[in-house]
Amino acid sequence: MESIGIGIIGLGTVGSGVVEILRTRTASLSRAAGVKLELVQVAARLPEETAPFAAMGISVTNDAMELVANPAVRIVVEVAGGYDIPMPWYRKALSMGKPVITANKALLAKHGAELFPLAAANATEIRFEASVGGAIPVIRALRDAFSGSEASSLACIINGTTNFILSRMTSEGMDYADALKEAQTLGYAEADPTFDVEGYDAAHKVAILASLCAGKRVDFNDMHVEGISSITIADIEAAEELGCCIRLLGQVDLDGERVDARVHPCLVPHEHPLASVQGAYNAVFIDGTTAGQSLLYGKGAGRLPTASAVCADIADAARQILSGLKPLDLSWFGNGNATLRPLSESQGRYYLRLAVLDRPGVLGRIATILGEEGVSVAEMIQHEADEAGKCAMILHTHTASEAAVQRALGRIDALPDSAGSSVLLRFYDRGLDE
């Protein structure tokens, strides 16, 4: 039986998981690929990283370019990570016509405009299922399953760290700092959690999903991105009073020739499917023009879930090599960036938490500003003032424009009655009435 050699660059959490699956499930993966898959070589920067694999009898190298150039390696797997360091490996592998399998969403979000056209020019491909959503087959769904039903919009919980923190704040009444500390203790958050909690990780993933939906490259630098570090237990409790939970959502909507792509916290009604996604799990809620609504749910990270997505891509790439069929062409990634719709043009319902001094007439002044800006209030909750005379005023609006709400908040924060910056959160209830 013909065999296809695999080379793996990066032997950390995911890379070691890929090695384990390739060694323990070789027969089933080979059946799926229609050809024998053989682990030929692994690479990592330091000898102490490769030593355990050499002890298993696997060929090792500390030079990733040596692995890429190895004629016995026909599929290159890159799970080392990083924006720029892996680029020479990709260029070399793709120029040699070798498919690259990756979990590196950051590199693709930054350099996809160069790499996807290079792959197409050399009749090969980059497969990246593991880059978004771990074991959830969302890339496959958007590339294949929804080819007959344009994915016109989606919303996703795509970062396990933030979802774990918000879930613990909701279920246990923990404040943000304590929930973050627990996430770090359990290994769900890094020692420096900025990349996750400020929304950057989610933005990279949403940019990839938005690009696949639109058929044009969406640059994550152009997206509106907010994290969860400003969310307080007061917001969690107020959301519960409104029948909602708070989730960090990535959203994509196609608007004619423009794309609305963003990441920010949202109030999600309890009856929405995304509200049930707890802990470190991920989910993608897709609305197709003819297929209707679908929810993809599962483990979005972790050693074996992510490695399993990598191995599925390996099998697909091997099957493509065996068949000789033309790989999927994503060269449009290099044809310029999609035009993003400004957030200011969006409309929706809003949650506003205003910090004000408990003075006569303050409610009237706030109501006047909102009315002048065309923002209608659906509900108001005001808590007792503290010892310093400060109180939180929670407002829930009817549908309004983002621009109008932002103008109103700017004026409210400038009032002499203001006791701090206001907090704005957006509702996400799309799909509940369809």
Protein backbone atom coordinates (compact mmCIF):
# COMPACT_ATOMS: atom_id res chain seq x y z
CA MET A 1 0.00 0.00 0.00
CA GLU A 2 1.31 3.43 -0.94
CA SER A 3 2.31 5.60 2.00
CA ILE A 4 2.40 9.36 2.56
CA GLY A 5 4.97 10.75 4.98
CA ILE A 6 4.04 13.29 7.65
CA GLY A 7 6.37 15.80 9.32
CA ILE A 8 5.41 17.74 12.46
CA ILE A 9 6.96 21.05 13.52
CA GLY A 10 6.26 21.88 17.16
CA LEU A 11 6.08 19.34 19.96
CA GLY A 12 4.13 21.20 22.62
CA THR A 13 0.62 20.44 23.80
CA VAL A 14 -0.96 20.07 20.37
CA GLY A 15 2.07 18.63 18.56
CA SER A 16 2.54 15.86 21.11
CA GLY A 17 -1.19 15.11 20.81
CA VAL A 18 -0.87 14.77 17.03
CA VAL A 19 2.04 12.37 17.48
CA GLU A 20 0.00 10.30 19.93
CA ILE A 21 -3.00 10.05 17.59
CA LEU A 22 -0.86 9.22 14.56
CA ARG A 23 0.90 6.46 16.51
CA THR A 24 -2.19 4.95 18.18
CA ARG A 25 -4.79 5.39 15.44
CA THR A 26 -2.69 4.84 12.32
CA ALA A 27 -4.99 2.16 10.90
CA SER A 28 -8.23 4.14 11.19
CA LEU A 29 -6.63 7.35 9.90
CA SER A 30 -5.13 5.48 6.97
CA ARG A 31 -8.53 3.99 6.14
CA ALA A 32 -10.05 7.49 6.23
CA ALA A 33 -7.30 8.81 3.96
CA GLY A 34 -7.35 5.83 1.60
CA VAL A 35 -3.56 5.64 1.89
CA LYS A 36 -1.09 4.62 4.61
CA LEU A 37 -0.03 7.58 6.76
CA GLU A 38 3.50 7.41 8.11
CA LEU A 39 5.05 9.73 10.71
CA VAL A 40 8.44 10.40 9.14
CA GLN A 41 10.00 13.14 11.25
CA VAL A 42 9.31 15.67 14.03
CA ALA A 43 11.04 18.98 14.75
CA ALA A 44 11.40 21.35 17.68
CA ARG A 45 13.88 24.09 18.46
CA LEU A 46 15.58 22.55 21.52
CA PRO A 47 17.16 19.08 21.89
CA GLU A 48 15.35 18.54 25.20
CA GLU A 49 12.05 18.95 23.35
CA THR A 50 12.85 16.32 20.74
CA ALA A 51 14.67 13.87 23.06
CA PRO A 52 11.53 12.04 24.31
CA PHE A 53 10.41 11.47 20.71
CA ALA A 54 13.85 10.21 19.67
CA ALA A 55 13.54 7.72 22.52
CA MET A 56 10.34 6.46 20.86
CA GLY A 57 12.32 5.70 17.71
CA ILE A 58 10.99 8.70 15.78
CA SER A 59 13.36 10.63 13.53
CA VAL A 60 13.92 14.08 15.05
CA THR A 61 15.57 17.34 14.07
CA ASN A 62 16.09 20.74 15.66
CA ASP A 63 16.00 22.42 12.25
CA ALA A 64 12.44 22.87 10.98
CA MET A 65 13.66 23.73 7.48
CA GLU A 66 15.43 20.37 7.32
CA LEU A 67 12.09 18.67 7.98
CA VAL A 68 10.31 20.75 5.33
CA ALA A 69 12.96 19.87 2.73
CA ASN A 70 12.96 16.16 3.61
CA PRO A 71 11.76 14.39 0.41
CA ALA A 72 10.05 11.70 2.52
CA VAL A 73 7.83 14.36 4.14
CA ARG A 74 4.92 15.02 1.80
CA ILE A 75 2.62 16.77 4.32
CA VAL A 76 3.97 19.40 6.73
CA VAL A 77 2.17 20.01 10.04
CA GLU A 78 2.99 23.32 11.77
CA VAL A 79 1.85 23.56 15.40
CA ALA A 80 4.77 25.57 16.77
CA GLY A 81 2.84 28.86 16.76
CA GLY A 82 3.98 32.42 16.26
CA TYR A 83 3.23 35.16 13.75
CA ASP A 84 6.46 35.41 11.77
CA ILE A 85 8.99 32.71 12.71
CA PRO A 86 7.10 29.93 10.80
CA MET A 87 6.79 31.97 7.58
CA PRO A 88 9.96 30.59 5.89
CA TRP A 89 8.73 27.05 6.58
CA TYR A 90 5.38 27.79 4.92
CA ARG A 91 6.99 29.47 1.92
CA LYS A 92 9.39 26.55 1.41
CA ALA A 93 6.76 23.82 1.86
CA LEU A 94 4.17 25.48 -0.38
CA SER A 95 6.78 26.28 -3.05
CA MET A 96 7.63 22.56 -3.09
CA GLY A 97 3.94 21.71 -3.57
CA LYS A 98 3.59 20.26 -0.07
CA PRO A 99 0.30 20.91 1.78
CA VAL A 100 0.60 22.53 5.20
CA ILE A 101 -1.71 21.63 8.09
CA THR A 102 -1.87 24.18 10.89
CA ALA A 103 -3.60 25.29 14.07
CA ASN A 104 -1.97 28.73 13.84
CA LYS A 105 -4.87 31.19 13.50
CA ALA A 106 -2.67 34.19 14.33
CA LEU A 107 -0.31 33.53 11.43
CA LEU A 108 -3.16 32.96 8.96
CA ALA A 109 -4.99 36.08 10.11
CA LYS A 110 -1.84 38.14 9.58
CA HIS A 111 -0.20 36.45 6.56
CA GLY A 112 -3.04 34.64 4.78
CA ALA A 113 -3.00 37.24 1.99
CA GLU A 114 0.47 35.98 1.01
CA LEU A 115 0.21 32.29 1.87
CA PHE A 116 -3.10 31.23 0.31
CA PRO A 117 -2.19 32.59 -3.16
CA LEU A 118 1.22 30.92 -2.85
CA ALA A 119 -0.47 27.60 -2.13
CA ALA A 120 -2.77 27.98 -5.13
CA ALA A 121 0.12 28.93 -7.41
CA ASN A 122 1.84 25.65 -6.50
CA ALA A 123 -1.29 23.47 -6.79
CA THR A 124 -1.31 22.72 -3.07
CA GLU A 125 -3.21 23.92 -0.01
CA ILE A 126 -3.24 25.04 3.61
CA ARG A 127 -5.71 23.25 5.85
CA PHE A 128 -6.56 24.93 9.11
CA GLU A 129 -9.54 23.28 10.80
CA ALA A 130 -7.75 23.27 14.17
CA SER A 131 -7.15 27.03 14.03
CA VAL A 132 -10.75 27.85 14.98
CA GLY A 133 -12.90 25.99 17.47
CA GLY A 134 -10.64 23.03 18.23
CA ALA A 135 -12.60 19.85 17.54
CA ILE A 136 -15.65 21.73 16.19
CA PRO A 137 -15.64 21.26 12.39
CA VAL A 138 -16.63 24.86 11.63
CA ILE A 139 -14.06 25.46 8.86
CA ARG A 140 -15.23 22.30 7.12
CA ALA A 141 -18.84 23.43 7.52
CA LEU A 142 -18.22 26.84 5.96
CA ARG A 143 -16.01 25.47 3.17
CA ASP A 144 -18.10 22.43 2.29
CA ALA A 145 -21.39 21.87 4.09
CA PHE A 146 -22.66 25.41 3.49
CA SER A 147 -21.48 25.64 -0.11
CA GLY A 148 -25.10 25.39 -1.22
CA SER A 149 -26.38 27.82 1.41
CA GLU A 150 -24.37 30.97 1.89
CA ALA A 151 -23.60 31.50 5.58
CA SER A 152 -25.11 34.99 5.71
CA SER A 153 -24.43 35.49 9.40
CA LEU A 154 -22.93 33.76 12.40
CA ALA A 155 -22.32 34.33 16.08
CA CYS A 156 -19.79 32.36 18.05
CA ILE A 157 -18.36 31.71 21.48
CA ILE A 158 -14.89 30.94 20.29
CA ASN A 159 -12.58 31.52 23.27
CA GLY A 160 -12.74 29.04 26.13
CA THR A 161 -10.87 31.23 28.63
CA THR A 162 -13.38 34.07 28.52
CA ASN A 163 -16.36 31.74 28.46
CA PHE A 164 -15.06 29.91 31.53
CA ILE A 165 -14.57 33.19 33.41
CA LEU A 166 -18.01 34.55 32.53
CA SER A 167 -19.63 31.20 33.34
CA ARG A 168 -18.03 31.14 36.80
CA MET A 169 -19.00 34.75 37.47
CA THR A 170 -22.58 33.81 36.62
CA SER A 171 -22.90 30.46 38.37
CA GLU A 172 -20.85 31.20 41.49
CA GLY A 173 -21.21 34.95 41.89
CA MET A 174 -17.43 35.36 41.61
CA ASP A 175 -15.93 38.68 40.64
CA TYR A 176 -13.75 38.92 37.55
CA ALA A 177 -10.40 38.75 39.37
CA ASP A 178 -11.31 35.59 41.30
CA ALA A 179 -12.75 33.87 38.23
CA LEU A 180 -9.60 34.70 36.26
CA LYS A 181 -7.40 33.34 39.05
CA GLU A 182 -9.37 30.07 39.05
CA ALA A 183 -9.04 29.83 35.26
CA GLN A 184 -5.28 30.25 35.57
CA THR A 185 -5.07 27.63 38.32
CA LEU A 186 -6.97 25.12 36.17
CA GLY A 187 -4.90 25.86 33.07
CA TYR A 188 -7.68 27.60 31.13
CA ALA A 189 -5.90 30.97 31.21
CA GLU A 190 -2.29 31.98 30.66
CA ALA A 191 -0.20 33.76 33.28
CA ASP A 192 -0.62 36.83 31.07
CA PRO A 193 -4.25 36.46 29.93
CA THR A 194 -4.39 39.64 27.85
CA PHE A 195 -4.54 37.90 24.46
CA ASP A 196 -7.67 36.02 25.55
CA VAL A 197 -9.53 38.35 27.91
CA GLU A 198 -9.16 41.43 25.70
CA GLY A 199 -10.64 39.58 22.72
CA TYR A 200 -7.59 39.33 20.45
CA ASP A 201 -7.62 35.53 20.20
CA ALA A 202 -11.31 35.60 19.30
CA ALA A 203 -10.69 38.38 16.76
CA HIS A 204 -8.13 36.28 14.88
CA LYS A 205 -10.58 33.39 14.69
CA VAL A 206 -13.55 35.57 13.72
CA ALA A 207 -11.48 37.21 10.97
CA ILE A 208 -10.89 33.76 9.46
CA LEU A 209 -14.57 32.81 9.72
CA ALA A 210 -15.67 36.17 8.30
CA SER A 211 -13.29 35.75 5.37
CA LEU A 212 -14.74 32.33 4.55
CA CYS A 213 -18.30 33.70 4.76
CA ALA A 214 -17.57 36.74 2.60
CA GLY A 215 -15.12 35.22 0.10
CA LYS A 216 -12.85 38.19 0.81
CA ARG A 217 -10.08 38.62 3.37
CA VAL A 218 -11.22 40.29 6.58
CA ASP A 219 -8.35 41.97 8.40
CA PHE A 220 -8.68 41.56 12.17
CA ASN A 221 -7.00 44.98 12.58
CA ASP A 222 -10.08 46.57 11.00
CA MET A 223 -12.54 44.87 13.36
CA HIS A 224 -14.18 46.33 16.46
CA VAL A 225 -12.81 44.30 19.39
CA GLU A 226 -13.67 44.52 23.09
CA GLY A 227 -12.76 42.12 25.87
CA ILE A 228 -14.34 41.17 29.18
CA SER A 229 -12.02 42.75 31.75
CA SER A 230 -14.47 45.60 32.44
CA ILE A 231 -17.38 43.23 33.20
CA THR A 232 -18.36 43.36 36.88
CA ILE A 233 -20.53 41.19 39.05
CA ALA A 234 -23.04 44.06 38.94
CA ASP A 235 -23.34 43.57 35.17
CA ILE A 236 -23.73 39.81 35.59
CA GLU A 237 -26.52 40.32 38.15
CA ALA A 238 -28.24 42.98 36.06
CA ALA A 239 -28.15 40.70 33.03
CA GLU A 240 -29.80 37.97 35.10
CA GLU A 241 -32.54 40.41 36.10
CA LEU A 242 -33.12 40.99 32.39
CA GLY A 243 -33.31 37.24 31.69
CA CYS A 244 -29.88 37.09 30.07
CA CYS A 245 -26.33 35.95 30.57
CA ILE A 246 -23.19 37.71 29.34
CA ARG A 247 -21.00 36.02 26.73
CA LEU A 248 -18.06 37.21 24.64
CA LEU A 249 -19.39 36.83 21.10
CA GLY A 250 -17.77 37.03 17.72
CA GLN A 251 -20.26 38.14 15.08
CA VAL A 252 -20.27 38.15 11.30
CA ASP A 253 -22.99 39.57 9.05
CA LEU A 254 -22.86 40.05 5.30
CA ASP A 255 -24.20 43.47 4.32
CA GLY A 256 -24.20 43.62 0.53
CA GLU A 257 -20.60 44.30 -0.49
CA ARG A 258 -19.60 45.03 3.10
CA VAL A 259 -18.97 42.80 6.09
CA ASP A 260 -19.87 43.41 9.72
CA ALA A 261 -17.25 41.50 11.75
CA ARG A 262 -16.66 42.19 15.44
CA VAL A 263 -15.94 40.79 18.89
CA HIS A 264 -17.47 42.13 22.09
CA PRO A 265 -19.46 41.04 25.16
CA CYS A 266 -23.21 40.63 24.63
CA LEU A 267 -26.30 40.01 26.72
CA VAL A 268 -27.70 36.74 25.41
CA PRO A 269 -31.28 35.77 26.41
CA HIS A 270 -31.45 32.53 28.39
CA GLU A 271 -33.65 30.92 25.73
CA HIS A 272 -31.02 31.44 22.99
CA PRO A 273 -28.92 28.33 22.14
CA LEU A 274 -25.68 30.22 22.80
CA ALA A 275 -26.71 30.94 26.39
CA SER A 276 -26.38 27.25 27.27
CA VAL A 277 -22.70 27.11 26.29
CA GLN A 278 -20.87 26.85 29.61
CA GLY A 279 -17.30 26.66 30.85
CA ALA A 280 -14.49 26.24 28.35
CA TYR A 281 -16.76 24.96 25.57
CA ASN A 282 -17.16 26.74 22.23
CA ALA A 283 -20.10 27.05 19.85
CA VAL A 284 -20.85 28.58 16.46
CA PHE A 285 -24.41 29.61 15.56
CA ILE A 286 -24.69 29.80 11.75
CA ASP A 287 -27.58 31.25 9.75
CA GLY A 288 -27.57 30.00 6.14
CA THR A 289 -29.64 31.63 3.41
CA THR A 290 -31.32 28.33 2.48
CA ALA A 291 -30.18 25.87 5.18
CA GLY A 292 -31.49 27.99 8.04
CA GLN A 293 -29.93 27.94 11.50
CA SER A 294 -27.34 25.46 12.76
CA LEU A 295 -25.42 25.20 16.02
CA LEU A 296 -21.97 23.59 16.13
CA TYR A 297 -20.83 22.85 19.69
CA GLY A 298 -17.88 21.16 21.35
CA LYS A 299 -14.49 21.49 22.98
CA GLY A 300 -12.76 24.48 21.48
CA ALA A 301 -9.28 23.77 22.80
CA GLY A 302 -7.20 21.18 24.57
CA ARG A 303 -4.51 18.72 23.59
CA LEU A 304 -6.48 15.90 21.98
CA PRO A 305 -9.52 17.82 20.67
CA THR A 306 -7.26 20.20 18.74
CA ALA A 307 -4.93 17.38 17.68
CA SER A 308 -7.89 15.41 16.37
CA ALA A 309 -8.81 18.33 14.09
CA VAL A 310 -5.21 18.43 12.84
CA CYS A 311 -5.30 14.69 12.11
CA ALA A 312 -8.60 15.01 10.22
CA ASP A 313 -6.94 17.62 8.01
CA ILE A 314 -3.95 15.32 7.50
CA ALA A 315 -6.27 12.56 6.27
CA ASP A 316 -8.06 14.97 3.92
CA ALA A 317 -4.79 16.32 2.53
CA ALA A 318 -3.50 12.77 1.97
CA ARG A 319 -6.73 11.83 0.18
CA GLN A 320 -6.36 14.89 -2.05
CA ILE A 321 -2.75 13.94 -2.91
CA LEU A 322 -3.83 10.38 -3.71
CA SER A 323 -6.75 11.46 -5.90
CA GLY A 324 -4.83 14.11 -7.79
CA LEU A 325 -7.84 16.43 -7.58
CA LYS A 326 -7.24 20.17 -7.55
CA PRO A 327 -7.14 21.55 -3.97
CA LEU A 328 -9.64 24.17 -2.88
CA ASP A 329 -8.44 27.55 -4.16
CA LEU A 330 -8.34 30.25 -1.47
CA SER A 331 -6.15 32.60 -3.49
CA TRP A 332 -8.84 35.29 -3.17
CA PHE A 333 -7.31 35.95 0.26
CA GLY A 334 -4.71 37.98 -1.63
CA ASN A 335 -7.18 40.08 -3.65
CA GLY A 336 -7.45 42.93 -1.15
CA ASN A 337 -9.39 43.29 2.05
CA ALA A 338 -13.14 43.26 2.50
CA THR A 339 -14.81 46.56 3.36
CA LEU A 340 -16.07 46.42 6.92
CA ARG A 341 -19.29 48.13 7.92
CA PRO A 342 -18.58 50.67 10.69
CA LEU A 343 -20.01 49.71 14.06
CA SER A 344 -21.62 53.14 14.24
CA GLU A 345 -24.06 52.11 11.51
CA SER A 346 -25.38 49.10 13.43
CA GLN A 347 -28.70 48.99 15.26
CA GLY A 348 -29.80 46.93 18.22
CA ARG A 349 -30.86 46.91 21.83
CA TYR A 350 -28.47 48.14 24.48
CA TYR A 351 -27.70 47.64 28.16
CA LEU A 352 -26.31 50.78 29.81
CA ARG A 353 -24.86 50.96 33.32
CA LEU A 354 -24.54 54.58 34.41
CA ALA A 355 -22.60 55.63 37.50
CA VAL A 356 -24.31 58.76 38.84
CA LEU A 357 -24.66 60.83 41.99
CA ASP A 358 -27.96 60.44 43.80
CA ARG A 359 -29.25 63.98 43.24
CA PRO A 360 -32.69 65.40 42.50
CA GLY A 361 -33.35 65.71 38.78
CA VAL A 362 -30.55 63.43 37.60
CA LEU A 363 -32.97 60.94 36.07
CA GLY A 364 -34.76 63.74 34.23
CA ARG A 365 -31.51 65.10 32.80
CA ILE A 366 -30.48 61.65 31.59
CA ALA A 367 -33.91 61.00 30.10
CA THR A 368 -33.76 64.33 28.25
CA ILE A 369 -30.40 63.49 26.70
CA LEU A 370 -31.56 60.05 25.62
CA GLY A 371 -34.73 61.49 24.12
CA GLU A 372 -32.83 64.18 22.23
CA GLU A 373 -30.58 61.51 20.72
CA GLY A 374 -33.53 59.32 19.76
CA VAL A 375 -32.82 56.54 22.26
CA SER A 376 -35.96 55.04 23.81
CA VAL A 377 -35.73 53.34 27.22
CA ALA A 378 -37.55 50.03 27.62
CA GLU A 379 -36.74 49.43 31.29
CA MET A 380 -34.78 51.03 34.12
CA ILE A 381 -33.34 49.56 37.33
CA GLN A 382 -31.84 51.88 39.94
CA HIS A 383 -30.01 50.56 42.99
CA GLU A 384 -29.67 52.28 46.37
CA ALA A 385 -26.89 54.85 46.69
CA ASP A 386 -23.73 53.90 48.56
CA GLU A 387 -22.25 55.86 51.45
CA ALA A 388 -20.60 58.28 49.02
CA GLY A 389 -23.94 59.05 47.39
CA LYS A 390 -23.15 57.13 44.20
CA CYS A 391 -25.61 54.76 42.59
CA ALA A 392 -25.79 52.53 39.55
CA MET A 393 -28.58 53.19 37.07
CA ILE A 394 -29.25 50.28 34.69
CA LEU A 395 -31.08 51.09 31.45
CA HIS A 396 -32.32 48.68 28.79
CA THR A 397 -33.16 50.38 25.49
CA HIS A 398 -35.48 49.64 22.62
CA THR A 399 -33.78 49.24 19.22
CA ALA A 400 -31.53 52.23 18.60
CA SER A 401 -28.56 53.16 16.47
CA GLU A 402 -25.06 52.62 17.83
CA ALA A 403 -24.10 56.17 16.89
CA ALA A 404 -27.03 57.66 18.81
CA VAL A 405 -26.32 55.60 21.91
CA GLN A 406 -22.63 56.54 21.85
CA ARG A 407 -23.47 60.24 21.49
CA ALA A 408 -25.90 60.00 24.41
CA LEU A 409 -23.33 58.27 26.63
CA GLY A 410 -20.74 60.92 25.83
CA ARG A 411 -23.14 63.63 26.97
CA ILE A 412 -24.23 61.70 30.08
CA ASP A 413 -20.65 61.06 31.17
CA ALA A 414 -19.97 64.80 30.87
CA LEU A 415 -22.80 65.73 33.27
CA PRO A 416 -21.87 67.11 36.71
CA ASP A 417 -24.02 64.23 38.06
CA SER A 418 -21.70 61.61 36.54
CA ALA A 419 -19.68 59.54 39.00
CA GLY A 420 -17.66 57.53 36.47
CA SER A 421 -17.61 56.20 32.93
CA SER A 422 -20.71 54.45 31.66
CA VAL A 423 -20.70 50.81 30.55
CA LEU A 424 -22.35 49.77 27.29
CA LEU A 425 -23.20 46.19 26.37
CA ARG A 426 -25.17 45.02 23.36
CA PHE A 427 -27.95 42.44 23.27
CA TYR A 428 -27.72 39.47 20.92
CA ASP A 429 -31.09 37.86 20.28
CA ARG A 430 -30.90 37.10 16.59
CA GLY A 431 -32.63 33.86 15.71
CA LEU A 432 -35.12 33.80 18.59
CA ASP A 433 -38.03 35.05 16.48
CA GLU A 434 -37.18 33.26 13.24
